[in-house]
C-alpha atoms as a PDB file:
ATOM      1  CA  MET A   1      58.518  26.039 -92.693  1.00  0.00           C
ATOM      2  CA  THR A   2      61.559  27.099 -91.200  1.00  0.00           C
ATOM      3  CA  GLY A   3      61.375  28.218 -87.848  1.00  0.00           C
ATOM      4  CA  LYS A   4      62.082  27.476 -84.396  1.00  0.00           C
ATOM      5  CA  THR A   5      60.758  24.415 -82.841  1.00  0.00           C
ATOM      6  CA  ALA A   6      59.197  24.819 -79.468  1.00  0.00           C
ATOM      7  CA  TYR A   7      59.607  22.229 -76.826  1.00  0.00           C
ATOM      8  CA  ILE A   8      57.227  21.945 -73.969  1.00  0.00           C
ATOM      9  CA  THR A   9      58.631  20.421 -70.882  1.00  0.00           C
ATOM     10  CA  VAL A  10      56.261  18.454 -68.753  1.00  0.00           C
ATOM     11  CA  LYS A  11      57.215  17.866 -65.223  1.00  0.00           C
ATOM     12  CA  ARG A  12      55.884  14.619 -63.926  1.00  0.00           C
ATOM     13  CA  THR A  13      55.208  14.353 -60.310  1.00  0.00           C
ATOM     14  CA  LYS A  14      55.021  11.163 -58.487  1.00  0.00           C
ATOM     15  CA  THR A  15      51.448  10.398 -57.559  1.00  0.00           C
ATOM     16  CA  GLU A  16      50.887   9.355 -54.021  1.00  0.00           C
ATOM     17  CA  ARG A  17      49.553   5.904 -53.546  1.00  0.00           C
ATOM     18  CA  LEU A  18      46.355   5.524 -51.654  1.00  0.00           C
ATOM     19  CA  PRO A  19      46.759   3.582 -48.455  1.00  0.00           C
ATOM     20  CA  LEU A  20      45.696   0.028 -48.512  1.00  0.00           C
ATOM     21  CA  PRO A  21      41.985  -0.447 -47.906  1.00  0.00           C
ATOM     22  CA  GLY A  22      42.695  -2.602 -44.862  1.00  0.00           C
ATOM     23  CA  LYS A  23      44.727   0.102 -43.146  1.00  0.00           C
ATOM     24  CA  GLY A  24      42.141   2.807 -43.810  1.00  0.00           C
ATOM     25  CA  ALA A  25      39.354   0.639 -42.494  1.00  0.00           C
ATOM     26  CA  LEU A  26      41.437  -0.142 -39.428  1.00  0.00           C
ATOM     27  CA  PHE A  27      41.941   3.556 -38.686  1.00  0.00           C
ATOM     28  CA  VAL A  28      38.248   4.279 -39.206  1.00  0.00           C
ATOM     29  CA  CYS A  29      37.282   1.411 -36.885  1.00  0.00           C
ATOM     30  CA  LEU A  30      39.725   2.605 -34.228  1.00  0.00           C
ATOM     31  CA  GLY A  31      38.378   6.138 -34.560  1.00  0.00           C
ATOM     32  CA  VAL A  32      34.789   4.945 -34.174  1.00  0.00           C
ATOM     33  CA  ILE A  33      35.714   2.843 -31.124  1.00  0.00           C
ATOM     34  CA  ILE A  34      37.545   5.756 -29.488  1.00  0.00           C
ATOM     35  CA  LEU A  35      34.621   8.085 -30.230  1.00  0.00           C
ATOM     36  CA  PHE A  36      32.200   5.537 -28.747  1.00  0.00           C
ATOM     37  CA  LEU A  37      34.308   5.245 -25.581  1.00  0.00           C
ATOM     38  CA  ILE A  38      34.463   9.015 -25.166  1.00  0.00           C
ATOM     39  CA  CYS A  39      30.695   9.377 -25.662  1.00  0.00           C
ATOM     40  CA  SER A  40      30.041   6.539 -23.211  1.00  0.00           C
ATOM     41  CA  SER A  41      32.215   8.121 -20.545  1.00  0.00           C
ATOM     42  CA  PHE A  42      30.443  11.485 -20.984  1.00  0.00           C
ATOM     43  CA  ARG A  43      27.075   9.754 -20.762  1.00  0.00           C
ATOM     44  CA  ASN A  44      28.074   7.960 -17.552  1.00  0.00           C
ATOM     45  CA  ALA A  45      29.367  11.209 -16.072  1.00  0.00           C
ATOM     46  CA  CYS A  46      26.086  12.944 -16.929  1.00  0.00           C
ATOM     47  CA  GLU A  47      24.047  10.129 -15.367  1.00  0.00           C
ATOM     48  CA  LEU A  48      26.115  10.248 -12.168  1.00  0.00           C
ATOM     49  CA  THR A  49      25.748  14.005 -11.975  1.00  0.00           C
ATOM     50  CA  ARG A  50      21.994  13.733 -12.563  1.00  0.00           C
ATOM     51  CA  ASP A  51      21.661  11.061  -9.857  1.00  0.00           C
ATOM     52  CA  ASP A  52      23.596  13.225  -7.383  1.00  0.00           C
ATOM     53  CA  PHE A  53      21.411  16.212  -8.230  1.00  0.00           C
ATOM     54  CA  ILE A  54      18.207  14.203  -7.734  1.00  0.00           C
ATOM     55  CA  GLU A  55      19.504  12.914  -4.387  1.00  0.00           C
ATOM     56  CA  LYS A  56      20.292  16.464  -3.259  1.00  0.00           C
ATOM     57  CA  LEU A  57      16.838  17.623  -4.312  1.00  0.00           C
ATOM     58  CA  GLU A  58      15.202  14.803  -2.344  1.00  0.00           C
ATOM     59  CA  ASN A  59      17.276  15.693   0.733  1.00  0.00           C
ATOM     60  CA  ASN A  60      16.331  19.356   0.352  1.00  0.00           C
ATOM     61  CA  LYS A  61      12.665  18.372   0.095  1.00  0.00           C
ATOM     62  CA  LYS A  62      12.895  16.336   3.316  1.00  0.00           C
ATOM     63  CA  ILE A  63      14.665  19.194   5.083  1.00  0.00           C
ATOM     64  CA  THR A  64      12.026  21.659   3.875  1.00  0.00           C
ATOM     65  CA  GLU A  65       9.194  19.431   5.108  1.00  0.00           C
ATOM     66  CA  THR A  66      10.883  18.988   8.488  1.00  0.00           C
ATOM     67  CA  ASN A  67      11.448  22.731   8.725  1.00  0.00           C
ATOM     68  CA  LYS A  68       7.794  23.391   7.945  1.00  0.00           C
ATOM     69  CA  ALA A  69       6.636  20.915  10.596  1.00  0.00           C
ATOM     70  CA  LEU A  70       8.973  22.494  13.154  1.00  0.00           C
ATOM     71  CA  LYS A  71       7.675  25.958  12.348  1.00  0.00           C
ATOM     72  CA  VAL A  72       4.097  24.785  12.855  1.00  0.00           C
ATOM     73  CA  GLU A  73       5.054  23.202  16.152  1.00  0.00           C
ATOM     74  CA  LEU A  74       6.908  26.324  17.237  1.00  0.00           C
ATOM     75  CA  LEU A  75       3.853  28.437  16.478  1.00  0.00           C
ATOM     76  CA  ALA A  76       1.744  26.018  18.474  1.00  0.00           C
ATOM     77  CA  ILE A  77       4.113  26.100  21.443  1.00  0.00           C
ATOM     78  CA  THR A  78       4.058  29.865  21.582  1.00  0.00           C
ATOM     79  CA  GLN A  79       0.266  29.933  21.635  1.00  0.00           C
ATOM     80  CA  LYS A  80      -1.839  29.504  24.755  1.00  0.00           C
ATOM     81  CA  ASN A  81      -3.559  26.358  23.528  1.00  0.00           C
ATOM     82  CA  TYR A  82      -0.397  24.244  23.230  1.00  0.00           C
ATOM     83  CA  VAL A  83      -1.738  21.437  25.396  1.00  0.00           C
ATOM     84  CA  ALA A  84      -4.812  21.070  23.203  1.00  0.00           C
ATOM     85  CA  PHE A  85      -2.641  21.168  20.084  1.00  0.00           C
ATOM     86  CA  ALA A  86      -0.241  18.516  21.401  1.00  0.00           C
ATOM     87  CA  ALA A  87      -3.137  16.314  22.480  1.00  0.00           C
ATOM     88  CA  GLU A  88      -4.696  16.498  19.032  1.00  0.00           C
ATOM     89  CA  GLU A  89      -1.548  16.218  16.920  1.00  0.00           C
ATOM     90  CA  ARG A  90       0.616  13.794  18.853  1.00  0.00           C
ATOM     91  CA  LEU A  91      -1.892  11.699  20.804  1.00  0.00           C
ATOM     92  CA  GLY A  92      -4.902  11.901  18.510  1.00  0.00           C
ATOM     93  CA  LEU A  93      -7.130  13.122  21.336  1.00  0.00           C
ATOM     94  CA  LYS A  94     -10.078  15.404  20.772  1.00  0.00           C
ATOM     95  CA  LYS A  95     -12.150  17.635  23.007  1.00  0.00           C
ATOM     96  CA  PRO A  96     -14.924  15.652  24.731  1.00  0.00           C
ATOM     97  CA  THR A  97     -18.546  16.455  24.060  1.00  0.00           C
ATOM     98  CA  GLU A  98     -21.075  17.393  26.749  1.00  0.00           C
ATOM     99  CA  GLU A  99     -22.385  13.825  26.944  1.00  0.00           C
ATOM    100  CA  GLU A 100     -18.926  12.398  27.585  1.00  0.00           C
ATOM    101  CA  VAL A 101     -18.063  14.674  30.495  1.00  0.00           C
ATOM    102  CA  VAL A 102     -18.967  13.608  34.017  1.00  0.00           C
ATOM    103  CA  ILE A 103     -18.707  16.278  36.675  1.00  0.00           C
ATOM    104  CA  LEU A 104     -18.185  15.008  40.214  1.00  0.00           C
ATOM    105  CA  LYS A 105     -18.990  17.228  43.158  1.00  0.00           C
END
């Protein structure tokens, strides 16, 4: 066989070495710690925001109840029977019965 000989050139590339297992584990541990710190700070921020919101809701509830009581009192003041209303609500007095009333002449 006479002929041409064919040469195949193979280019070898340098394979990259894997990092040492200790360094990889260190980076993973640092990443997990940083992720934990970030999640913890978000959780704390959410709890603080929730606490502030609950406090505002409680204040709004107190204000609403006070407003309602003032409206009732305002309605009572504008009516003719305010004295009877004030005696009942504030002093706990009630209208006397016929047996309790003594008429002096």
